[in-house]
């Protein structure tokens, strides 16, 4: 959550972000980050392209794809894994909100358009692996990404396991 902006000691505009427990994807609960996290405005905008624009766009596209195919959502939930149920909850959540807000986020800057084009190119490159039936390349790429993710994978596993367990016990 952006709580303000100002000029840093080096003349750059900075954005102050409230942090604390519940900050998903990064451990901002330690003393180093308690209270506020300052980042240059340009870096903040770049990260928000990933965190908001790309994520919301991908969610929008997935929802549109399900709608276009006429997927019976209740039936998929009867047969779903907990991870699919979580993913579908995020899709449903997006479409339960104001589309103008998401349009503003996705369409905000030319850099966001370029980011979305890069994402689509990445999807296409990975689809080519499937088209070629190249499981070995898929597995090799999977390992590369897992290595790049590093310790963040362990945190993601802990957080998603917590959510999955909560979801499983709810239904």
N, C-alpha and C. Protein backbone atom coordinates (compact mmCIF):
# COMPACT_ATOMS: atom_id res chain seq x y z
N UNK A 1 0.85 -1.17 0.00
CA UNK A 1 0.00 0.00 0.00
C UNK A 1 0.89 1.23 0.00
N UNK A 2 0.72 2.07 -1.00
CA UNK A 2 1.48 3.31 -1.08
C UNK A 2 0.87 4.30 -0.10
N UNK A 3 1.71 4.86 0.75
CA UNK A 3 1.20 5.80 1.74
C UNK A 3 1.74 7.20 1.57
N UNK A 4 2.62 7.39 0.61
CA UNK A 4 3.13 8.73 0.39
C UNK A 4 4.36 8.71 -0.48
N UNK A 5 4.77 9.91 -0.89
CA UNK A 5 5.98 10.00 -1.69
C UNK A 5 6.72 11.27 -1.30
N UNK A 6 7.98 11.32 -1.68
CA UNK A 6 8.78 12.49 -1.37
C UNK A 6 10.13 12.38 -2.04
N UNK A 7 11.00 13.33 -1.75
CA UNK A 7 12.33 13.33 -2.34
C UNK A 7 13.31 12.68 -1.38
N UNK A 8 14.09 11.72 -1.90
CA UNK A 8 15.13 11.07 -1.11
C UNK A 8 16.36 11.95 -1.06
N UNK A 9 17.33 11.56 -0.28
CA UNK A 9 18.55 12.32 -0.12
C UNK A 9 19.34 12.47 -1.40
N UNK A 10 19.13 11.58 -2.37
CA UNK A 10 19.88 11.64 -3.62
C UNK A 10 19.11 12.36 -4.73
N UNK A 11 18.02 13.02 -4.38
CA UNK A 11 17.25 13.76 -5.36
C UNK A 11 16.20 12.94 -6.09
N UNK A 12 16.13 11.62 -5.83
CA UNK A 12 15.13 10.79 -6.47
C UNK A 12 13.81 10.89 -5.72
N UNK A 13 12.73 10.76 -6.46
CA UNK A 13 11.42 10.65 -5.83
C UNK A 13 11.31 9.26 -5.26
N UNK A 14 10.85 9.15 -4.02
CA UNK A 14 10.67 7.85 -3.40
C UNK A 14 9.20 7.64 -3.06
N UNK A 15 8.84 6.40 -2.96
CA UNK A 15 7.48 6.04 -2.57
C UNK A 15 7.58 5.29 -1.26
N UNK A 16 6.79 5.69 -0.26
CA UNK A 16 6.76 4.99 1.02
C UNK A 16 5.61 4.01 1.00
N UNK A 17 5.88 2.79 1.44
CA UNK A 17 4.90 1.72 1.40
C UNK A 17 4.76 1.16 2.79
N UNK A 18 3.52 1.07 3.28
CA UNK A 18 3.28 0.46 4.58
C UNK A 18 3.54 -1.03 4.46
N UNK A 19 4.25 -1.59 5.45
CA UNK A 19 4.56 -3.02 5.43
C UNK A 19 4.12 -3.63 6.75
N UNK A 20 4.27 -4.93 6.81
CA UNK A 20 3.95 -5.64 8.04
C UNK A 20 3.53 -7.05 7.72
N UNK A 21 2.88 -7.69 8.67
CA UNK A 21 2.46 -9.07 8.45
C UNK A 21 1.44 -9.11 7.33
N UNK A 22 1.44 -10.20 6.61
CA UNK A 22 0.51 -10.36 5.51
C UNK A 22 1.06 -9.87 4.20
N UNK A 23 2.27 -9.35 4.16
CA UNK A 23 2.87 -8.95 2.90
C UNK A 23 3.26 -10.22 2.15
N UNK A 24 2.48 -10.61 1.17
CA UNK A 24 2.70 -11.87 0.46
C UNK A 24 3.86 -11.73 -0.50
N UNK A 25 4.62 -12.81 -0.62
CA UNK A 25 5.68 -12.85 -1.61
C UNK A 25 7.01 -12.31 -1.14
N UNK A 26 7.03 -11.61 -0.04
CA UNK A 26 8.30 -11.09 0.47
C UNK A 26 8.20 -11.02 1.99
N UNK A 27 9.28 -11.33 2.65
CA UNK A 27 9.29 -11.27 4.09
C UNK A 27 9.64 -9.85 4.52
N UNK A 28 8.61 -9.07 4.77
CA UNK A 28 8.81 -7.68 5.18
C UNK A 28 8.47 -7.50 6.65
N UNK A 29 8.45 -8.60 7.39
CA UNK A 29 8.05 -8.51 8.78
C UNK A 29 9.22 -8.29 9.74
N UNK A 30 10.44 -8.40 9.25
CA UNK A 30 11.61 -8.24 10.11
C UNK A 30 11.86 -6.79 10.47
N UNK A 31 12.77 -6.55 11.39
CA UNK A 31 13.05 -5.19 11.85
C UNK A 31 13.54 -4.28 10.74
N UNK A 32 14.22 -4.85 9.74
CA UNK A 32 14.73 -4.04 8.64
C UNK A 32 13.60 -3.33 7.88
N UNK A 33 12.43 -3.95 7.82
CA UNK A 33 11.34 -3.42 7.02
C UNK A 33 10.14 -2.97 7.85
N UNK A 34 10.24 -3.04 9.15
CA UNK A 34 9.08 -2.71 9.97
C UNK A 34 8.66 -1.26 9.74
N UNK A 35 7.39 -1.05 9.49
CA UNK A 35 6.85 0.29 9.33
C UNK A 35 6.74 0.72 7.88
N UNK A 36 7.85 1.16 7.29
CA UNK A 36 7.81 1.67 5.92
C UNK A 36 8.97 1.12 5.11
N UNK A 37 8.72 0.97 3.84
CA UNK A 37 9.74 0.55 2.89
C UNK A 37 9.80 1.65 1.83
N UNK A 38 10.96 2.23 1.64
CA UNK A 38 11.08 3.28 0.64
C UNK A 38 11.77 2.73 -0.60
N UNK A 39 11.25 3.15 -1.74
CA UNK A 39 11.80 2.71 -3.02
C UNK A 39 11.68 3.87 -4.01
N UNK A 40 12.61 3.98 -4.93
CA UNK A 40 12.47 5.02 -5.95
C UNK A 40 11.17 4.83 -6.73
N UNK A 41 10.53 5.92 -7.08
CA UNK A 41 9.23 5.86 -7.76
C UNK A 41 9.28 5.02 -9.03
N UNK A 42 10.35 5.15 -9.82
CA UNK A 42 10.45 4.39 -11.06
C UNK A 42 10.51 2.89 -10.78
N UNK A 43 11.23 2.49 -9.74
CA UNK A 43 11.31 1.08 -9.37
C UNK A 43 9.96 0.59 -8.87
N UNK A 44 9.28 1.42 -8.08
CA UNK A 44 7.93 1.08 -7.60
C UNK A 44 7.00 0.84 -8.78
N UNK A 45 7.04 1.73 -9.77
CA UNK A 45 6.17 1.57 -10.93
C UNK A 45 6.49 0.30 -11.71
N UNK A 46 7.77 0.01 -11.83
CA UNK A 46 8.19 -1.21 -12.53
C UNK A 46 7.66 -2.46 -11.82
N UNK A 47 7.80 -2.48 -10.51
CA UNK A 47 7.34 -3.62 -9.73
C UNK A 47 5.81 -3.72 -9.76
N UNK A 48 5.12 -2.59 -9.71
CA UNK A 48 3.66 -2.62 -9.77
C UNK A 48 3.17 -3.13 -11.13
N UNK A 49 3.99 -2.95 -12.16
CA UNK A 49 3.64 -3.54 -13.45
C UNK A 49 3.52 -5.05 -13.33
N UNK A 50 4.44 -5.66 -12.59
CA UNK A 50 4.41 -7.11 -12.37
C UNK A 50 3.32 -7.49 -11.37
N UNK A 51 3.35 -6.83 -10.21
CA UNK A 51 2.48 -7.19 -9.10
C UNK A 51 1.00 -6.93 -9.42
N UNK A 52 0.73 -5.87 -10.14
CA UNK A 52 -0.67 -5.53 -10.40
C UNK A 52 -1.05 -5.75 -11.86
N UNK A 53 -0.44 -5.02 -12.77
CA UNK A 53 -0.90 -5.06 -14.17
C UNK A 53 -0.79 -6.45 -14.78
N UNK A 54 0.37 -7.08 -14.68
CA UNK A 54 0.55 -8.40 -15.26
C UNK A 54 -0.35 -9.42 -14.57
N UNK A 55 -0.38 -9.40 -13.25
CA UNK A 55 -1.20 -10.37 -12.51
C UNK A 55 -2.67 -10.22 -12.85
N UNK A 56 -3.18 -8.98 -12.85
CA UNK A 56 -4.60 -8.76 -13.13
C UNK A 56 -4.92 -9.08 -14.59
N UNK A 57 -4.02 -8.75 -15.49
CA UNK A 57 -4.24 -9.07 -16.90
C UNK A 57 -4.31 -10.58 -17.11
N UNK A 58 -3.37 -11.31 -16.53
CA UNK A 58 -3.37 -12.77 -16.67
C UNK A 58 -4.65 -13.37 -16.07
N UNK A 59 -5.09 -12.84 -14.95
CA UNK A 59 -6.33 -13.31 -14.32
C UNK A 59 -7.53 -13.00 -15.21
N UNK A 60 -7.57 -11.78 -15.76
CA UNK A 60 -8.63 -11.38 -16.68
C UNK A 60 -8.68 -12.32 -17.89
N UNK A 61 -7.53 -12.60 -18.47
CA UNK A 61 -7.46 -13.46 -19.66
C UNK A 61 -7.92 -14.87 -19.33
N UNK A 62 -7.51 -15.40 -18.17
CA UNK A 62 -7.94 -16.73 -17.78
C UNK A 62 -9.46 -16.77 -17.62
N UNK A 63 -10.03 -15.77 -16.95
CA UNK A 63 -11.49 -15.70 -16.79
C UNK A 63 -12.20 -15.59 -18.13
N UNK A 64 -11.67 -14.77 -19.01
CA UNK A 64 -12.26 -14.61 -20.34
C UNK A 64 -12.18 -15.91 -21.12
N UNK A 65 -11.08 -16.64 -20.99
CA UNK A 65 -10.91 -17.92 -21.67
C UNK A 65 -11.94 -18.94 -21.17
N UNK A 66 -12.14 -19.00 -19.86
CA UNK A 66 -13.14 -19.91 -19.30
C UNK A 66 -14.54 -19.55 -19.81
N UNK A 67 -14.84 -18.26 -19.83
CA UNK A 67 -16.15 -17.78 -20.30
C UNK A 67 -16.35 -18.11 -21.77
N UNK A 68 -15.32 -17.86 -22.57
CA UNK A 68 -15.37 -18.10 -24.02
C UNK A 68 -15.61 -19.58 -24.33
N UNK A 69 -15.02 -20.45 -23.54
CA UNK A 69 -15.18 -21.90 -23.74
C UNK A 69 -16.46 -22.43 -23.12
N UNK A 70 -17.16 -21.60 -22.38
CA UNK A 70 -18.41 -22.04 -21.74
C UNK A 70 -18.18 -23.05 -20.63
N UNK A 71 -17.07 -22.90 -19.92
CA UNK A 71 -16.73 -23.84 -18.85
C UNK A 71 -17.78 -23.74 -17.73
N UNK A 72 -18.24 -24.87 -17.28
CA UNK A 72 -19.20 -24.92 -16.17
C UNK A 72 -18.42 -24.82 -14.86
N UNK A 73 -18.36 -23.63 -14.32
CA UNK A 73 -17.56 -23.38 -13.12
C UNK A 73 -17.94 -24.31 -11.97
N UNK A 74 -19.23 -24.46 -11.64
CA UNK A 74 -19.56 -25.36 -10.53
C UNK A 74 -19.06 -26.79 -10.75
N UNK A 75 -19.11 -27.26 -11.98
CA UNK A 75 -18.64 -28.62 -12.26
C UNK A 75 -17.13 -28.73 -12.06
N UNK A 76 -16.39 -27.71 -12.49
CA UNK A 76 -14.94 -27.75 -12.30
C UNK A 76 -14.59 -27.77 -10.81
N UNK A 77 -15.38 -27.07 -10.01
CA UNK A 77 -15.12 -27.04 -8.57
C UNK A 77 -15.38 -28.40 -7.93
N UNK A 78 -16.36 -29.14 -8.47
CA UNK A 78 -16.63 -30.48 -7.95
C UNK A 78 -15.43 -31.41 -8.17
N UNK A 79 -14.68 -31.16 -9.22
CA UNK A 79 -13.57 -32.03 -9.60
C UNK A 79 -12.21 -31.40 -9.36
N UNK A 80 -12.18 -30.26 -8.71
CA UNK A 80 -10.95 -29.46 -8.65
C UNK A 80 -10.00 -29.89 -7.55
N UNK A 81 -8.76 -29.49 -7.74
CA UNK A 81 -7.75 -29.57 -6.70
C UNK A 81 -7.86 -28.29 -5.86
N UNK A 82 -7.30 -28.30 -4.66
CA UNK A 82 -7.32 -27.07 -3.86
C UNK A 82 -6.62 -25.90 -4.56
N UNK A 83 -5.56 -26.16 -5.30
CA UNK A 83 -4.84 -25.07 -5.99
C UNK A 83 -5.73 -24.45 -7.06
N UNK A 84 -6.45 -25.28 -7.82
CA UNK A 84 -7.37 -24.74 -8.83
C UNK A 84 -8.45 -23.90 -8.14
N UNK A 85 -8.96 -24.39 -7.02
CA UNK A 85 -10.00 -23.66 -6.30
C UNK A 85 -9.49 -22.29 -5.86
N UNK A 86 -8.24 -22.24 -5.37
CA UNK A 86 -7.65 -20.95 -4.99
C UNK A 86 -7.51 -20.03 -6.20
N UNK A 87 -7.02 -20.59 -7.30
CA UNK A 87 -6.86 -19.79 -8.52
C UNK A 87 -8.21 -19.26 -8.99
N UNK A 88 -9.21 -20.13 -9.00
CA UNK A 88 -10.54 -19.71 -9.45
C UNK A 88 -11.14 -18.67 -8.50
N UNK A 89 -10.83 -18.78 -7.21
CA UNK A 89 -11.30 -17.77 -6.26
C UNK A 89 -10.73 -16.40 -6.61
N UNK A 90 -9.47 -16.35 -7.02
CA UNK A 90 -8.86 -15.07 -7.41
C UNK A 90 -9.48 -14.54 -8.70
N UNK A 91 -9.80 -15.44 -9.61
CA UNK A 91 -10.46 -15.02 -10.86
C UNK A 91 -11.84 -14.46 -10.53
N UNK A 92 -12.61 -15.20 -9.75
CA UNK A 92 -13.94 -14.73 -9.37
C UNK A 92 -13.89 -13.42 -8.60
N UNK A 93 -12.90 -13.29 -7.75
CA UNK A 93 -12.74 -12.05 -6.97
C UNK A 93 -12.51 -10.85 -7.89
N UNK A 94 -11.67 -11.05 -8.89
CA UNK A 94 -11.40 -9.97 -9.85
C UNK A 94 -12.70 -9.50 -10.50
N UNK A 95 -13.49 -10.47 -10.99
CA UNK A 95 -14.70 -10.11 -11.74
C UNK A 95 -15.85 -9.67 -10.84
N UNK A 96 -15.70 -9.77 -9.53
CA UNK A 96 -16.71 -9.27 -8.60
C UNK A 96 -16.47 -7.80 -8.26
N UNK A 97 -15.40 -7.22 -8.81
CA UNK A 97 -15.03 -5.85 -8.47
C UNK A 97 -15.23 -4.91 -9.66
N UNK A 98 -14.88 -3.66 -9.46
CA UNK A 98 -15.08 -2.60 -10.44
C UNK A 98 -14.11 -2.75 -11.62
N UNK A 99 -14.62 -2.99 -12.83
CA UNK A 99 -13.73 -3.15 -13.98
C UNK A 99 -12.93 -1.89 -14.30
N UNK A 100 -13.45 -0.73 -13.96
CA UNK A 100 -12.72 0.52 -14.23
C UNK A 100 -11.41 0.57 -13.47
N UNK A 101 -11.40 0.07 -12.24
CA UNK A 101 -10.18 0.05 -11.44
C UNK A 101 -9.11 -0.79 -12.14
N UNK A 102 -9.49 -1.96 -12.61
CA UNK A 102 -8.53 -2.85 -13.26
C UNK A 102 -8.10 -2.31 -14.62
N UNK A 103 -9.00 -1.65 -15.32
CA UNK A 103 -8.63 -1.02 -16.59
C UNK A 103 -7.57 0.05 -16.34
N UNK A 104 -7.73 0.84 -15.30
CA UNK A 104 -6.75 1.88 -14.98
C UNK A 104 -5.39 1.27 -14.68
N UNK A 105 -5.38 0.17 -13.94
CA UNK A 105 -4.13 -0.49 -13.58
C UNK A 105 -3.44 -1.06 -14.81
N UNK A 106 -4.18 -1.79 -15.63
CA UNK A 106 -3.61 -2.47 -16.79
C UNK A 106 -3.18 -1.48 -17.88
N UNK A 107 -3.97 -0.45 -18.10
CA UNK A 107 -3.71 0.49 -19.20
C UNK A 107 -2.88 1.70 -18.77
N UNK A 108 -2.35 1.71 -17.57
CA UNK A 108 -1.75 2.91 -16.97
C UNK A 108 -0.60 3.53 -17.77
N UNK A 109 0.29 2.71 -18.33
CA UNK A 109 1.49 3.27 -18.96
C UNK A 109 1.87 2.46 -20.19
N UNK A 110 2.61 3.08 -21.10
CA UNK A 110 3.14 2.32 -22.25
C UNK A 110 4.07 1.18 -21.80
N UNK A 111 4.75 1.36 -20.68
CA UNK A 111 5.63 0.31 -20.16
C UNK A 111 4.84 -0.94 -19.78
N UNK A 112 3.62 -0.74 -19.30
CA UNK A 112 2.79 -1.89 -18.94
C UNK A 112 2.35 -2.64 -20.19
N UNK A 113 2.06 -1.93 -21.25
CA UNK A 113 1.74 -2.60 -22.51
C UNK A 113 2.93 -3.43 -22.98
N UNK A 114 4.11 -2.87 -22.93
CA UNK A 114 5.32 -3.60 -23.33
C UNK A 114 5.51 -4.84 -22.45
N UNK A 115 5.27 -4.71 -21.16
CA UNK A 115 5.38 -5.84 -20.24
C UNK A 115 4.41 -6.95 -20.63
N UNK A 116 3.17 -6.59 -20.93
CA UNK A 116 2.17 -7.59 -21.32
C UNK A 116 2.55 -8.28 -22.62
N UNK A 117 3.12 -7.53 -23.55
CA UNK A 117 3.59 -8.14 -24.80
C UNK A 117 4.72 -9.12 -24.53
N UNK A 118 5.63 -8.76 -23.63
CA UNK A 118 6.72 -9.68 -23.25
C UNK A 118 6.15 -10.95 -22.63
N UNK A 119 5.12 -10.80 -21.81
CA UNK A 119 4.48 -11.95 -21.18
C UNK A 119 3.87 -12.88 -22.24
N UNK A 120 3.16 -12.30 -23.17
CA UNK A 120 2.54 -13.10 -24.24
C UNK A 120 3.62 -13.81 -25.05
N UNK A 121 4.72 -13.15 -25.31
CA UNK A 121 5.83 -13.78 -26.03
C UNK A 121 6.38 -14.97 -25.22
N UNK A 122 6.48 -14.82 -23.92
CA UNK A 122 6.93 -15.91 -23.06
C UNK A 122 5.96 -17.09 -23.11
N UNK A 123 4.67 -16.78 -23.06
CA UNK A 123 3.66 -17.84 -23.18
C UNK A 123 3.83 -18.58 -24.50
N UNK A 124 4.02 -17.84 -25.57
CA UNK A 124 4.18 -18.44 -26.89
C UNK A 124 5.40 -19.34 -26.95
N UNK A 125 6.51 -18.88 -26.38
CA UNK A 125 7.74 -19.69 -26.36
C UNK A 125 7.53 -21.00 -25.60
N UNK A 126 6.81 -20.94 -24.52
CA UNK A 126 6.56 -22.15 -23.74
C UNK A 126 5.54 -23.05 -24.42
N UNK A 127 4.59 -22.47 -25.12
CA UNK A 127 3.64 -23.27 -25.89
C UNK A 127 4.36 -24.05 -26.98
N UNK A 128 5.39 -23.45 -27.55
CA UNK A 128 6.17 -24.13 -28.60
C UNK A 128 6.81 -25.42 -28.06
N UNK A 129 7.20 -25.44 -26.79
CA UNK A 129 7.72 -26.67 -26.19
C UNK A 129 6.65 -27.77 -26.22
N UNK A 130 5.44 -27.39 -25.89
CA UNK A 130 4.34 -28.36 -25.88
C UNK A 130 4.03 -28.82 -27.30
N UNK A 131 4.00 -27.87 -28.23
CA UNK A 131 3.73 -28.23 -29.63
C UNK A 131 4.77 -29.22 -30.16
N UNK A 132 6.02 -29.05 -29.78
CA UNK A 132 7.09 -29.94 -30.22
C UNK A 132 7.13 -31.24 -29.42
N UNK A 133 6.35 -31.31 -28.35
CA UNK A 133 6.37 -32.48 -27.49
C UNK A 133 7.69 -32.62 -26.73
N UNK A 134 8.32 -31.49 -26.46
CA UNK A 134 9.65 -31.48 -25.86
C UNK A 134 9.57 -31.43 -24.33
N UNK A 135 9.25 -32.58 -23.75
CA UNK A 135 9.13 -32.66 -22.29
C UNK A 135 10.47 -32.41 -21.61
N UNK A 136 11.55 -32.87 -22.22
CA UNK A 136 12.87 -32.67 -21.62
C UNK A 136 13.19 -31.18 -21.49
N UNK A 137 12.89 -30.41 -22.53
CA UNK A 137 13.13 -28.97 -22.47
C UNK A 137 12.22 -28.31 -21.44
N UNK A 138 10.99 -28.77 -21.36
CA UNK A 138 10.06 -28.25 -20.36
C UNK A 138 10.61 -28.49 -18.95
N UNK A 139 11.05 -29.72 -18.71
CA UNK A 139 11.58 -30.08 -17.39
C UNK A 139 12.86 -29.29 -17.10
N UNK A 140 13.71 -29.12 -18.09
CA UNK A 140 14.94 -28.34 -17.90
C UNK A 140 14.59 -26.89 -17.56
N UNK A 141 13.64 -26.32 -18.27
CA UNK A 141 13.21 -24.94 -17.99
C UNK A 141 12.60 -24.85 -16.60
N UNK A 142 11.82 -25.85 -16.24
CA UNK A 142 11.22 -25.91 -14.91
C UNK A 142 12.31 -25.85 -13.84
N UNK A 143 13.35 -26.66 -14.00
CA UNK A 143 14.46 -26.67 -13.04
C UNK A 143 15.18 -25.32 -12.98
N UNK A 144 15.37 -24.69 -14.14
CA UNK A 144 16.02 -23.37 -14.18
C UNK A 144 15.21 -22.35 -13.38
N UNK A 145 13.91 -22.37 -13.57
CA UNK A 145 13.03 -21.42 -12.88
C UNK A 145 13.02 -21.71 -11.39
N UNK A 146 12.95 -22.99 -11.03
CA UNK A 146 12.96 -23.37 -9.62
C UNK A 146 14.25 -22.90 -8.94
N UNK A 147 15.37 -23.05 -9.64
CA UNK A 147 16.65 -22.59 -9.08
C UNK A 147 16.65 -21.07 -8.93
N UNK A 148 16.14 -20.37 -9.93
CA UNK A 148 16.07 -18.91 -9.86
C UNK A 148 15.17 -18.46 -8.71
N UNK A 149 14.05 -19.18 -8.50
CA UNK A 149 13.12 -18.84 -7.43
C UNK A 149 13.78 -18.98 -6.07
N UNK A 150 14.66 -19.96 -5.94
CA UNK A 150 15.44 -20.13 -4.72
C UNK A 150 14.59 -20.28 -3.47
N UNK A 151 15.03 -19.62 -2.38
CA UNK A 151 14.33 -19.73 -1.10
C UNK A 151 12.89 -19.20 -1.14
N UNK A 152 12.59 -18.38 -2.12
CA UNK A 152 11.21 -17.89 -2.23
C UNK A 152 10.23 -19.03 -2.45
N UNK A 153 10.70 -20.12 -3.07
CA UNK A 153 9.85 -21.30 -3.26
C UNK A 153 9.41 -21.88 -1.92
N UNK A 154 10.34 -21.94 -0.98
CA UNK A 154 10.01 -22.48 0.34
C UNK A 154 8.96 -21.62 1.04
N UNK A 155 9.10 -20.31 0.94
CA UNK A 155 8.11 -19.41 1.54
C UNK A 155 6.77 -19.57 0.84
N UNK A 156 6.80 -19.66 -0.48
CA UNK A 156 5.56 -19.84 -1.25
C UNK A 156 4.88 -21.15 -0.88
N UNK A 157 5.67 -22.20 -0.68
CA UNK A 157 5.11 -23.48 -0.28
C UNK A 157 4.45 -23.38 1.09
N UNK A 158 5.11 -22.71 2.03
CA UNK A 158 4.52 -22.55 3.36
C UNK A 158 3.22 -21.76 3.29
N UNK A 159 3.24 -20.64 2.57
CA UNK A 159 2.04 -19.80 2.49
C UNK A 159 0.91 -20.50 1.75
N UNK A 160 1.22 -21.16 0.64
CA UNK A 160 0.15 -21.82 -0.12
C UNK A 160 -0.37 -23.05 0.63
N UNK A 161 0.51 -23.75 1.35
CA UNK A 161 0.05 -24.89 2.16
C UNK A 161 -0.92 -24.41 3.23
N UNK A 162 -0.60 -23.30 3.86
CA UNK A 162 -1.49 -22.72 4.86
C UNK A 162 -2.87 -22.42 4.23
N UNK A 163 -2.86 -21.78 3.08
CA UNK A 163 -4.12 -21.44 2.40
C UNK A 163 -4.88 -22.67 1.96
N UNK A 164 -4.18 -23.65 1.41
CA UNK A 164 -4.82 -24.89 0.96
C UNK A 164 -5.44 -25.60 2.15
N UNK A 165 -4.73 -25.70 3.25
CA UNK A 165 -5.28 -26.37 4.44
C UNK A 165 -6.53 -25.66 4.94
N UNK A 166 -6.51 -24.33 4.95
CA UNK A 166 -7.68 -23.57 5.37
C UNK A 166 -8.86 -23.84 4.43
N UNK A 167 -8.56 -23.91 3.15
CA UNK A 167 -9.60 -24.13 2.14
C UNK A 167 -10.17 -25.54 2.25
N UNK A 168 -9.31 -26.52 2.42
CA UNK A 168 -9.74 -27.92 2.51
C UNK A 168 -10.65 -28.11 3.73
N UNK A 169 -10.30 -27.50 4.85
CA UNK A 169 -11.10 -27.67 6.07
C UNK A 169 -12.41 -26.89 5.98
N UNK A 170 -12.49 -25.93 5.10
CA UNK A 170 -13.71 -25.13 4.95
C UNK A 170 -14.79 -25.92 4.21
N UNK A 171 -14.36 -26.76 3.27
CA UNK A 171 -15.33 -27.49 2.44
C UNK A 171 -15.32 -28.91 2.84
